[in-house]
Amino acid sequence: MAATTGTASQTRPYGAYVMLFLSCLFAGGNYVAAKYLGRELTPLTGAALRFGLAVSMLVPWVLVREGLPDRRSASRLPIVWFMGLTGIFGFNALLFIALQMTTATNASLITASAPMAVAILSVPLLRDRATPAQAIGIIVSFVGVVYLVAQGSLDNLLRMRFNLGDLLVIGAVLSFAVFNITGKRMVGAFSPAATMAWSFSAGVILLALTAPLEPGWQSLDRLSLTGILAIVYMAAVGTVANYVLWYAAMARVSATTASIFSNVIPLSTFVWASILLGERLTLYVLVSACVVLLGVYLTTRGAARVK
């Protein structure tokens, strides 16, 4: 995005766009790593390990470089902890429960609406209104993801059925939206690394309390080397690098523009899967990629004209 909310800019912050793109590329790798890890651990246990390891990396680094939050910043810690409640615990827990009741296809389709949820909630919470070009870009990108989820077939889309699990996915999407919007409000109060360190800490505590409710934690002592490498990737690259890059970019762009990049994640997942899992890239994936990237282009182009 070319500017933070409400400021004018004539140039596009290409550095921020690169950070957002890399963030989504790293996030796409999480799904492939999770596929390996899912053979050995249940989702909440895996999430608790992932974010727990991320916290063990981030917190010491933040303490050495920045120290403890000063009095003014400390007064905003409850807001950062709220980010952990919504974006770390809420999103993962709701999605985990939802996937027991609905299909991965339904979940993917609903999750693709996240940029629209961010754009809508940004109006009352951030006073950030999408330009016509941004709105068109969001819709175009959403259509691209829907085409991807439907595997290029209208019949596949029409045969989909929705249920209670889908409502929980909507709850997860709203949690993601609130997490992003709250993070935008924290720009300037904390560094991106500190924001993630303290929000992750709150989320990890809640995940650690709920993970023992599922049987996966009993398999920790039998993790294979592949499982360990998957956890390390998800923590170091798919979480620390991913989120820090995302929120460093958020300091220079609006929440609406940043959120549209999340639609790149399914595409990056397909690239990772084709490289590491041997999954074949089909025509509908390539068409979807073009449509999604067109939507991203329209959104960022519209953002550069915000006054």
Protein backbone atom coordinates (compact mmCIF):
# COMPACT_ATOMS: atom_id res chain seq x y z
CA MET A 1 0.00 0.00 0.00
CA ALA A 2 1.16 3.44 -0.63
CA ALA A 3 0.15 4.97 2.61
CA THR A 4 -1.17 4.36 6.06
CA THR A 5 -4.87 5.08 6.60
CA GLY A 6 -5.90 8.57 5.70
CA THR A 7 -2.57 9.82 4.30
CA ALA A 8 -1.75 10.71 0.73
CA SER A 9 0.92 9.11 -1.35
CA GLN A 10 1.89 9.16 -4.98
CA THR A 11 4.28 6.22 -4.87
CA ARG A 12 3.67 2.61 -4.12
CA PRO A 13 5.65 1.02 -1.25
CA TYR A 14 7.06 -1.85 -3.27
CA GLY A 15 9.21 -2.92 -0.32
CA ALA A 16 6.04 -3.50 1.73
CA TYR A 17 4.49 -5.47 -1.12
CA VAL A 18 7.57 -7.69 -1.32
CA MET A 19 7.35 -8.34 2.44
CA LEU A 20 3.65 -9.23 2.16
CA PHE A 21 4.33 -11.55 -0.78
CA LEU A 22 7.18 -13.30 1.07
CA SER A 23 4.99 -13.59 4.15
CA CYS A 24 2.31 -15.37 2.11
CA LEU A 25 4.93 -17.57 0.45
CA PHE A 26 6.18 -18.68 3.87
CA ALA A 27 2.60 -19.17 5.10
CA GLY A 28 1.85 -21.43 2.14
CA GLY A 29 4.68 -23.70 3.26
CA ASN A 30 2.86 -24.17 6.58
CA TYR A 31 0.14 -26.23 4.90
CA VAL A 32 2.64 -28.65 3.40
CA ALA A 33 4.52 -28.89 6.71
CA ALA A 34 1.21 -29.45 8.48
CA LYS A 35 0.44 -32.29 6.09
CA TYR A 36 3.59 -34.07 7.28
CA LEU A 37 2.98 -33.15 10.92
CA GLY A 38 -0.67 -34.20 10.76
CA ARG A 39 0.43 -37.81 10.42
CA GLU A 40 1.93 -37.64 13.91
CA LEU A 41 0.12 -34.95 15.92
CA THR A 42 -3.40 -33.56 16.24
CA PRO A 43 -3.99 -29.92 15.15
CA LEU A 44 -4.22 -28.12 18.51
CA THR A 45 -1.15 -29.94 19.84
CA GLY A 46 0.73 -29.03 16.68
CA ALA A 47 -0.41 -25.40 16.96
CA ALA A 48 0.67 -25.24 20.60
CA LEU A 49 4.13 -26.57 19.70
CA ARG A 50 4.43 -24.28 16.69
CA PHE A 51 3.61 -21.07 18.55
CA GLY A 52 5.39 -22.22 21.71
CA LEU A 53 8.62 -22.65 19.78
CA ALA A 54 8.03 -19.31 18.04
CA VAL A 55 7.65 -17.61 21.42
CA SER A 56 10.90 -19.20 22.65
CA MET A 57 12.63 -17.59 19.64
CA LEU A 58 10.93 -14.20 19.67
CA VAL A 59 10.72 -13.27 23.35
CA PRO A 60 14.47 -13.55 24.17
CA TRP A 61 15.32 -11.69 20.95
CA VAL A 62 12.88 -8.87 21.79
CA LEU A 63 14.09 -8.66 25.39
CA VAL A 64 17.75 -8.38 24.30
CA ARG A 65 17.07 -5.80 21.57
CA GLU A 66 14.26 -3.79 23.13
CA GLY A 67 13.94 -4.76 26.77
CA LEU A 68 10.64 -4.87 28.61
CA PRO A 69 7.86 -2.56 27.41
CA ASP A 70 7.99 0.92 28.97
CA ARG A 71 5.09 2.20 31.03
CA ARG A 72 3.30 3.75 28.08
CA SER A 73 3.61 0.61 25.93
CA ALA A 74 2.78 -1.68 28.86
CA SER A 75 -0.64 -0.02 29.14
CA ARG A 76 -1.42 -1.42 25.68
CA LEU A 77 -0.33 -4.97 26.42
CA PRO A 78 -3.93 -6.11 27.11
CA ILE A 79 -4.78 -5.13 23.52
CA VAL A 80 -1.84 -7.19 22.23
CA TRP A 81 -2.93 -10.10 24.40
CA PHE A 82 -6.38 -9.74 22.86
CA MET A 83 -4.67 -10.28 19.49
CA GLY A 84 -3.35 -13.58 20.87
CA LEU A 85 -6.86 -14.53 21.99
CA THR A 86 -8.39 -13.84 18.56
CA GLY A 87 -5.71 -14.50 15.95
CA ILE A 88 -3.71 -17.27 17.59
CA PHE A 89 -6.06 -19.18 19.87
CA GLY A 90 -9.45 -18.19 18.44
CA PHE A 91 -8.57 -18.71 14.80
CA ASN A 92 -6.81 -22.06 15.33
CA ALA A 93 -9.35 -23.46 17.82
CA LEU A 94 -12.42 -22.45 15.78
CA LEU A 95 -10.92 -23.78 12.57
CA PHE A 96 -9.93 -27.06 14.26
CA ILE A 97 -13.43 -27.61 15.65
CA ALA A 98 -15.01 -26.56 12.36
CA LEU A 99 -13.00 -29.06 10.34
CA GLN A 100 -14.58 -31.83 12.40
CA MET A 101 -17.98 -30.75 11.05
CA THR A 102 -17.32 -29.45 7.54
CA THR A 103 -15.11 -30.16 4.57
CA ALA A 104 -11.71 -28.63 3.87
CA THR A 105 -13.17 -27.29 0.60
CA ASN A 106 -15.93 -25.39 2.40
CA ALA A 107 -13.42 -24.08 4.91
CA SER A 108 -11.08 -22.90 2.14
CA LEU A 109 -13.92 -21.13 0.33
CA ILE A 110 -15.11 -19.29 3.43
CA THR A 111 -11.57 -18.41 4.50
CA ALA A 112 -11.12 -16.72 1.12
CA SER A 113 -13.61 -14.09 2.31
CA ALA A 114 -11.13 -12.85 4.94
CA PRO A 115 -9.96 -9.82 2.90
CA MET A 116 -13.59 -8.72 2.51
CA ALA A 117 -14.16 -9.13 6.26
CA VAL A 118 -11.09 -6.99 6.96
CA ALA A 119 -12.22 -4.33 4.47
CA ILE A 120 -15.73 -4.19 6.00
CA LEU A 121 -14.56 -4.06 9.63
CA SER A 122 -11.87 -1.49 8.77
CA VAL A 123 -14.57 1.08 8.02
CA PRO A 124 -15.94 1.44 11.60
CA LEU A 125 -12.77 0.37 13.44
CA LEU A 126 -10.02 2.11 11.45
CA ARG A 127 -12.03 4.64 9.42
CA ASP A 128 -10.35 3.06 6.41
CA ARG A 129 -12.59 3.05 3.35
CA ALA A 130 -11.70 0.96 0.32
CA THR A 131 -11.46 2.81 -2.98
CA PRO A 132 -13.52 1.52 -5.94
CA ALA A 133 -10.35 -0.01 -7.41
CA GLN A 134 -9.59 -1.78 -4.13
CA ALA A 135 -13.16 -3.11 -3.88
CA ILE A 136 -12.96 -4.46 -7.43
CA GLY A 137 -9.55 -6.00 -6.67
CA ILE A 138 -10.90 -7.74 -3.57
CA ILE A 139 -13.84 -9.18 -5.52
CA VAL A 140 -11.63 -10.30 -8.43
CA SER A 141 -9.19 -11.99 -6.06
CA PHE A 142 -12.06 -13.69 -4.21
CA VAL A 143 -13.42 -15.03 -7.52
CA GLY A 144 -9.95 -16.42 -8.27
CA VAL A 145 -9.83 -18.29 -4.97
CA VAL A 146 -13.38 -19.60 -5.43
CA TYR A 147 -12.36 -20.88 -8.88
CA LEU A 148 -9.37 -22.59 -7.27
CA VAL A 149 -11.45 -24.21 -4.52
CA ALA A 150 -14.06 -25.38 -7.07
CA GLN A 151 -11.22 -26.85 -9.16
CA GLY A 152 -12.42 -24.88 -12.16
CA SER A 153 -15.85 -26.53 -12.17
CA LEU A 154 -19.16 -24.76 -11.57
CA ASP A 155 -20.76 -28.14 -10.79
CA ASN A 156 -18.31 -28.65 -7.89
CA LEU A 157 -19.31 -25.26 -6.49
CA LEU A 158 -23.06 -25.89 -6.83
CA ARG A 159 -22.78 -29.29 -5.09
CA MET A 160 -21.30 -27.77 -1.95
CA ARG A 161 -23.43 -27.93 1.20
CA PHE A 162 -23.04 -25.70 4.25
CA ASN A 163 -23.53 -26.57 7.93
CA LEU A 164 -22.72 -25.59 11.53
CA GLY A 165 -19.03 -26.13 10.92
CA ASP A 166 -19.17 -23.44 8.24
CA LEU A 167 -20.49 -20.96 10.81
CA LEU A 168 -17.47 -21.75 12.97
CA VAL A 169 -15.19 -21.09 9.98
CA ILE A 170 -16.90 -17.69 9.65
CA GLY A 171 -16.04 -17.15 13.32
CA ALA A 172 -12.42 -18.04 12.54
CA VAL A 173 -12.40 -15.55 9.64
CA LEU A 174 -13.77 -12.81 11.90
CA SER A 175 -11.07 -13.66 14.46
CA PHE A 176 -8.45 -13.29 11.72
CA ALA A 177 -9.94 -9.96 10.67
CA VAL A 178 -9.99 -8.60 14.22
CA PHE A 179 -6.41 -9.81 14.74
CA ASN A 180 -5.23 -7.89 11.65
CA ILE A 181 -7.17 -4.72 12.41
CA THR A 182 -6.00 -4.70 16.03
CA GLY A 183 -2.44 -5.24 14.82
CA LYS A 184 -2.78 -2.19 12.57
CA ARG A 185 -3.82 -0.11 15.59
CA MET A 186 -0.72 -1.26 17.44
CA VAL A 187 1.64 0.10 14.77
CA GLY A 188 3.93 2.58 16.52
CA ALA A 189 3.20 1.26 20.01
CA PHE A 190 5.35 -1.87 19.56
CA SER A 191 7.82 -3.11 16.98
CA PRO A 192 6.51 -5.91 14.70
CA ALA A 193 8.67 -8.44 16.58
CA ALA A 194 7.42 -7.26 20.00
CA THR A 195 3.79 -7.27 18.84
CA MET A 196 4.15 -10.87 17.74
CA ALA A 197 6.14 -11.95 20.80
CA TRP A 198 3.57 -10.71 23.32
CA SER A 199 0.48 -11.71 21.30
CA PHE A 200 1.91 -15.17 20.64
CA SER A 201 2.61 -15.57 24.37
CA ALA A 202 -1.05 -15.04 25.23
CA GLY A 203 -2.20 -17.36 22.46
CA VAL A 204 0.25 -20.10 23.46
CA ILE A 205 -1.00 -20.13 27.04
CA LEU A 206 -4.56 -20.76 25.84
CA LEU A 207 -3.44 -23.37 23.30
CA ALA A 208 -1.38 -25.14 25.96
CA LEU A 209 -4.43 -25.31 28.23
CA THR A 210 -6.65 -26.84 25.54
CA ALA A 211 -4.19 -29.10 23.68
CA PRO A 212 -4.18 -31.77 26.45
CA LEU A 213 -7.90 -32.24 25.80
CA GLU A 214 -6.98 -34.13 22.62
CA PRO A 215 -4.81 -37.27 22.52
CA GLY A 216 -2.06 -35.89 20.26
CA TRP A 217 0.21 -34.67 23.07
CA GLN A 218 0.78 -38.30 24.11
CA SER A 219 2.70 -38.87 20.85
CA LEU A 220 5.29 -36.14 21.43
CA ASP A 221 8.01 -38.59 22.44
CA ARG A 222 7.53 -40.47 19.16
CA LEU A 223 7.96 -37.52 16.78
CA SER A 224 10.00 -38.46 13.71
CA LEU A 225 12.78 -36.31 12.24
CA THR A 226 10.34 -35.23 9.53
CA GLY A 227 7.83 -34.14 12.17
CA ILE A 228 10.50 -32.20 14.07
CA LEU A 229 11.65 -30.45 10.89
CA ALA A 230 8.03 -29.59 10.07
CA ILE A 231 7.56 -28.00 13.50
CA VAL A 232 10.83 -26.06 13.20
CA TYR A 233 9.84 -24.74 9.75
CA MET A 234 6.37 -23.76 10.93
CA ALA A 235 7.78 -21.95 13.99
CA ALA A 236 10.86 -20.24 12.54
CA VAL A 237 9.77 -19.50 8.96
CA GLY A 238 6.01 -20.02 8.81
CA THR A 239 5.38 -18.09 12.04
CA VAL A 240 8.25 -15.81 13.14
CA ALA A 241 9.44 -14.69 9.68
CA ASN A 242 5.91 -14.77 8.27
CA TYR A 243 4.23 -12.62 10.95
CA VAL A 244 7.13 -10.20 11.47
CA LEU A 245 7.28 -9.47 7.73
CA TRP A 246 3.50 -9.09 7.62
CA TYR A 247 3.35 -6.56 10.46
CA ALA A 248 6.44 -4.69 9.30
CA ALA A 249 4.57 -4.16 6.02
CA MET A 250 1.38 -3.20 7.89
CA ALA A 251 3.19 -0.12 9.18
CA ARG A 252 3.22 1.18 5.60
CA VAL A 253 -0.08 -0.08 4.17
CA SER A 254 -3.74 -0.20 5.16
CA ALA A 255 -5.30 -3.31 6.65
CA THR A 256 -7.48 -3.68 3.55
CA THR A 257 -4.55 -3.73 1.13
CA ALA A 258 -2.51 -6.09 3.30
CA SER A 259 -5.39 -8.53 3.68
CA ILE A 260 -5.79 -9.02 -0.08
CA PHE A 261 -2.33 -10.58 -0.18
CA SER A 262 -3.63 -13.45 1.97
CA ASN A 263 -5.30 -14.81 -1.17
CA VAL A 264 -1.80 -15.54 -2.47
CA ILE A 265 -1.44 -18.20 0.26
CA PRO A 266 -3.47 -20.94 -1.54
CA LEU A 267 -1.39 -20.36 -4.65
CA SER A 268 1.90 -20.58 -2.77
CA THR A 269 0.61 -23.74 -1.11
CA PHE A 270 0.13 -25.33 -4.53
CA VAL A 271 3.68 -24.35 -5.51
CA TRP A 272 5.10 -25.84 -2.31
CA ALA A 273 2.98 -28.96 -2.76
CA SER A 274 4.12 -29.44 -6.35
CA ILE A 275 7.77 -29.20 -5.26
CA LEU A 276 7.68 -31.23 -2.06
CA LEU A 277 4.68 -33.52 -2.46
CA GLY A 278 4.73 -34.07 -6.20
CA GLU A 279 1.23 -32.65 -6.64
CA ARG A 280 0.59 -31.64 -10.27
CA LEU A 281 -0.09 -28.02 -11.21
CA THR A 282 -3.22 -28.07 -13.38
CA LEU A 283 -4.70 -25.51 -15.74
CA TYR A 284 -7.32 -24.33 -13.24
CA VAL A 285 -4.56 -23.56 -10.70
CA LEU A 286 -2.71 -21.42 -13.26
CA VAL A 287 -5.91 -19.61 -14.25
CA SER A 288 -6.75 -19.00 -10.60
CA ALA A 289 -3.24 -17.66 -10.01
CA CYS A 290 -3.64 -15.12 -12.79
CA VAL A 291 -7.04 -13.97 -11.48
CA VAL A 292 -5.85 -13.70 -7.86
CA LEU A 293 -2.73 -11.77 -8.83
CA LEU A 294 -4.86 -9.45 -10.99
CA GLY A 295 -7.00 -8.77 -7.92
CA VAL A 296 -3.88 -8.05 -5.85
CA TYR A 297 -2.62 -5.68 -8.55
CA LEU A 298 -5.93 -3.79 -8.71
CA THR A 299 -6.06 -3.49 -4.92
CA THR A 300 -2.50 -2.17 -4.58
CA ARG A 301 -2.99 0.17 -7.53
CA GLY A 302 -6.11 1.57 -5.90
CA ALA A 303 -4.30 1.93 -2.57
CA ALA A 304 -1.60 4.07 -4.16
CA ARG A 305 -4.26 6.62 -5.10
CA VAL A 306 -5.79 6.93 -1.63
CA LYS A 307 -5.75 10.56 -0.50
